[in-house]
């Protein structure tokens, strides 16, 4: 499992190199090869954040 520093460094690399446009173009190219196309879309940032453990599951343990 990666630690927070590794994840932060990875996120900073993504921000610096902004690969989202290239990823979107690659997906569109793949879809076009299959005879499909997208008119619009959104790439969502799935940020990982620290969170406290759920207290509702403690009673079941």
N, C-alpha and C. Protein backbone atom coordinates (compact mmCIF):
# COMPACT_ATOMS: atom_id res chain seq x y z
N UNK A 1 0.84 -1.19 0.00
CA UNK A 1 0.00 0.00 0.00
C UNK A 1 0.89 1.25 0.00
N UNK A 2 0.51 2.22 -0.77
CA UNK A 2 1.29 3.45 -0.88
C UNK A 2 1.02 4.37 0.30
N UNK A 3 2.04 5.11 0.68
CA UNK A 3 1.84 6.08 1.76
C UNK A 3 1.38 7.42 1.17
N UNK A 4 1.02 8.33 2.03
CA UNK A 4 0.48 9.62 1.59
C UNK A 4 1.47 10.41 0.75
N UNK A 5 2.76 10.30 1.06
CA UNK A 5 3.79 11.04 0.31
C UNK A 5 3.84 10.55 -1.13
N UNK A 6 3.78 9.24 -1.32
CA UNK A 6 3.80 8.67 -2.68
C UNK A 6 2.60 9.14 -3.47
N UNK A 7 1.42 9.11 -2.86
CA UNK A 7 0.21 9.55 -3.54
C UNK A 7 0.26 11.04 -3.88
N UNK A 8 0.80 11.83 -2.97
CA UNK A 8 0.91 13.27 -3.22
C UNK A 8 1.87 13.55 -4.36
N UNK A 9 2.99 12.84 -4.39
CA UNK A 9 3.95 13.02 -5.49
C UNK A 9 3.32 12.64 -6.82
N UNK A 10 2.56 11.54 -6.83
CA UNK A 10 1.88 11.11 -8.05
C UNK A 10 0.88 12.17 -8.50
N UNK A 11 0.12 12.70 -7.56
CA UNK A 11 -0.85 13.74 -7.90
C UNK A 11 -0.15 14.97 -8.47
N UNK A 12 0.97 15.36 -7.88
CA UNK A 12 1.71 16.52 -8.40
C UNK A 12 2.23 16.27 -9.80
N UNK A 13 2.67 15.04 -10.08
CA UNK A 13 3.09 14.70 -11.45
C UNK A 13 1.93 14.83 -12.43
N UNK A 14 0.75 14.36 -12.03
CA UNK A 14 -0.42 14.49 -12.89
C UNK A 14 -0.75 15.95 -13.15
N UNK A 15 -0.68 16.77 -12.10
CA UNK A 15 -0.97 18.20 -12.25
C UNK A 15 0.05 18.87 -13.16
N UNK A 16 1.32 18.50 -13.02
CA UNK A 16 2.39 19.12 -13.80
C UNK A 16 2.28 18.77 -15.28
N UNK A 17 2.02 17.51 -15.58
CA UNK A 17 2.04 17.05 -16.97
C UNK A 17 0.67 17.03 -17.64
N UNK A 18 -0.39 17.24 -16.88
CA UNK A 18 -1.77 17.35 -17.38
C UNK A 18 -2.09 16.33 -18.48
N UNK A 19 -2.08 15.05 -18.15
CA UNK A 19 -2.31 14.03 -19.17
C UNK A 19 -3.79 13.84 -19.54
N UNK A 20 -4.69 14.55 -18.89
CA UNK A 20 -6.12 14.28 -19.11
C UNK A 20 -6.55 14.47 -20.56
N UNK A 21 -6.04 15.49 -21.23
CA UNK A 21 -6.42 15.72 -22.63
C UNK A 21 -5.93 14.56 -23.51
N UNK A 22 -4.71 14.10 -23.27
CA UNK A 22 -4.18 12.98 -24.05
C UNK A 22 -4.96 11.70 -23.77
N UNK A 23 -5.34 11.49 -22.51
CA UNK A 23 -6.14 10.31 -22.17
C UNK A 23 -7.48 10.37 -22.88
N UNK A 24 -8.12 11.52 -22.85
CA UNK A 24 -9.41 11.71 -23.52
C UNK A 24 -9.28 11.45 -25.02
N UNK A 25 -8.22 11.94 -25.64
CA UNK A 25 -8.00 11.72 -27.07
C UNK A 25 -7.78 10.24 -27.38
N UNK A 26 -7.04 9.53 -26.52
CA UNK A 26 -6.82 8.10 -26.71
C UNK A 26 -8.12 7.32 -26.61
N UNK A 27 -8.95 7.68 -25.64
CA UNK A 27 -10.25 7.01 -25.49
C UNK A 27 -11.10 7.25 -26.72
N UNK A 28 -11.13 8.48 -27.21
CA UNK A 28 -11.90 8.80 -28.41
C UNK A 28 -11.39 8.04 -29.63
N UNK A 29 -10.07 7.91 -29.75
CA UNK A 29 -9.50 7.16 -30.88
C UNK A 29 -9.90 5.69 -30.81
N UNK A 30 -9.85 5.12 -29.62
CA UNK A 30 -10.26 3.73 -29.44
C UNK A 30 -11.73 3.54 -29.79
N UNK A 31 -12.57 4.45 -29.32
CA UNK A 31 -14.00 4.37 -29.63
C UNK A 31 -14.25 4.52 -31.12
N UNK A 32 -13.52 5.42 -31.78
CA UNK A 32 -13.69 5.64 -33.22
C UNK A 32 -13.34 4.38 -34.00
N UNK A 33 -12.33 3.64 -33.54
CA UNK A 33 -11.98 2.38 -34.19
C UNK A 33 -13.12 1.37 -34.12
N UNK A 34 -13.95 1.49 -33.10
CA UNK A 34 -15.09 0.59 -32.92
C UNK A 34 -16.36 1.15 -33.56
N UNK A 35 -16.24 2.29 -34.24
CA UNK A 35 -17.39 2.92 -34.87
C UNK A 35 -18.25 3.71 -33.90
N UNK A 36 -17.70 4.07 -32.76
CA UNK A 36 -18.43 4.84 -31.75
C UNK A 36 -17.80 6.21 -31.59
N UNK A 37 -18.54 7.15 -31.02
CA UNK A 37 -17.96 8.45 -30.73
C UNK A 37 -18.66 9.09 -29.54
N UNK A 38 -17.97 10.01 -28.89
CA UNK A 38 -18.53 10.79 -27.79
C UNK A 38 -18.59 12.24 -28.22
N UNK A 39 -19.69 12.87 -27.93
CA UNK A 39 -19.81 14.29 -28.26
C UNK A 39 -19.22 15.16 -27.16
N UNK A 40 -19.34 14.71 -25.93
CA UNK A 40 -18.77 15.46 -24.81
C UNK A 40 -18.57 14.50 -23.66
N UNK A 41 -17.79 14.91 -22.69
CA UNK A 41 -17.54 14.06 -21.53
C UNK A 41 -16.75 14.79 -20.48
N UNK A 42 -16.59 14.14 -19.35
CA UNK A 42 -15.87 14.72 -18.23
C UNK A 42 -14.95 13.67 -17.63
N UNK A 43 -13.72 14.04 -17.37
CA UNK A 43 -12.81 13.19 -16.63
C UNK A 43 -12.83 13.68 -15.19
N UNK A 44 -13.17 12.80 -14.27
CA UNK A 44 -13.36 13.17 -12.88
C UNK A 44 -12.11 12.84 -12.08
N UNK A 45 -11.71 13.76 -11.22
CA UNK A 45 -10.57 13.56 -10.33
C UNK A 45 -11.03 12.73 -9.15
N UNK A 46 -10.47 11.55 -8.99
CA UNK A 46 -10.81 10.68 -7.86
C UNK A 46 -9.73 10.85 -6.79
N UNK A 47 -9.81 11.94 -6.06
CA UNK A 47 -8.81 12.24 -5.05
C UNK A 47 -8.97 11.33 -3.85
N UNK A 48 -7.85 10.81 -3.34
CA UNK A 48 -7.85 9.97 -2.16
C UNK A 48 -7.55 10.86 -0.96
N UNK A 49 -8.40 10.77 0.05
CA UNK A 49 -8.21 11.56 1.26
C UNK A 49 -8.23 10.66 2.48
N UNK A 50 -7.57 11.09 3.54
CA UNK A 50 -7.58 10.34 4.80
C UNK A 50 -8.93 10.53 5.47
N UNK A 51 -9.44 9.46 6.07
CA UNK A 51 -10.72 9.53 6.78
C UNK A 51 -10.65 8.64 8.01
N UNK A 52 -11.37 9.03 9.03
CA UNK A 52 -11.43 8.24 10.25
C UNK A 52 -12.20 6.94 9.99
N UNK A 53 -11.88 5.91 10.74
CA UNK A 53 -12.60 4.64 10.62
C UNK A 53 -14.05 4.82 11.02
N UNK A 54 -14.91 4.03 10.40
CA UNK A 54 -16.33 4.08 10.73
C UNK A 54 -16.56 3.51 12.13
N UNK A 55 -17.34 4.21 12.93
CA UNK A 55 -17.64 3.72 14.28
C UNK A 55 -18.79 2.74 14.27
N UNK A 56 -19.62 2.74 13.24
CA UNK A 56 -20.79 1.84 13.22
C UNK A 56 -20.36 0.38 13.04
N UNK A 57 -19.16 0.12 12.50
CA UNK A 57 -18.71 -1.24 12.30
C UNK A 57 -17.97 -1.80 13.51
N UNK A 58 -17.64 -0.98 14.50
CA UNK A 58 -16.91 -1.44 15.67
C UNK A 58 -17.71 -2.44 16.49
N UNK A 59 -19.00 -2.27 16.58
CA UNK A 59 -19.84 -3.16 17.37
C UNK A 59 -19.91 -4.56 16.76
N UNK A 60 -19.82 -4.65 15.43
CA UNK A 60 -19.90 -5.93 14.74
C UNK A 60 -18.60 -6.71 14.80
N UNK A 61 -17.50 -6.05 15.13
CA UNK A 61 -16.18 -6.71 15.12
C UNK A 61 -15.97 -7.59 16.31
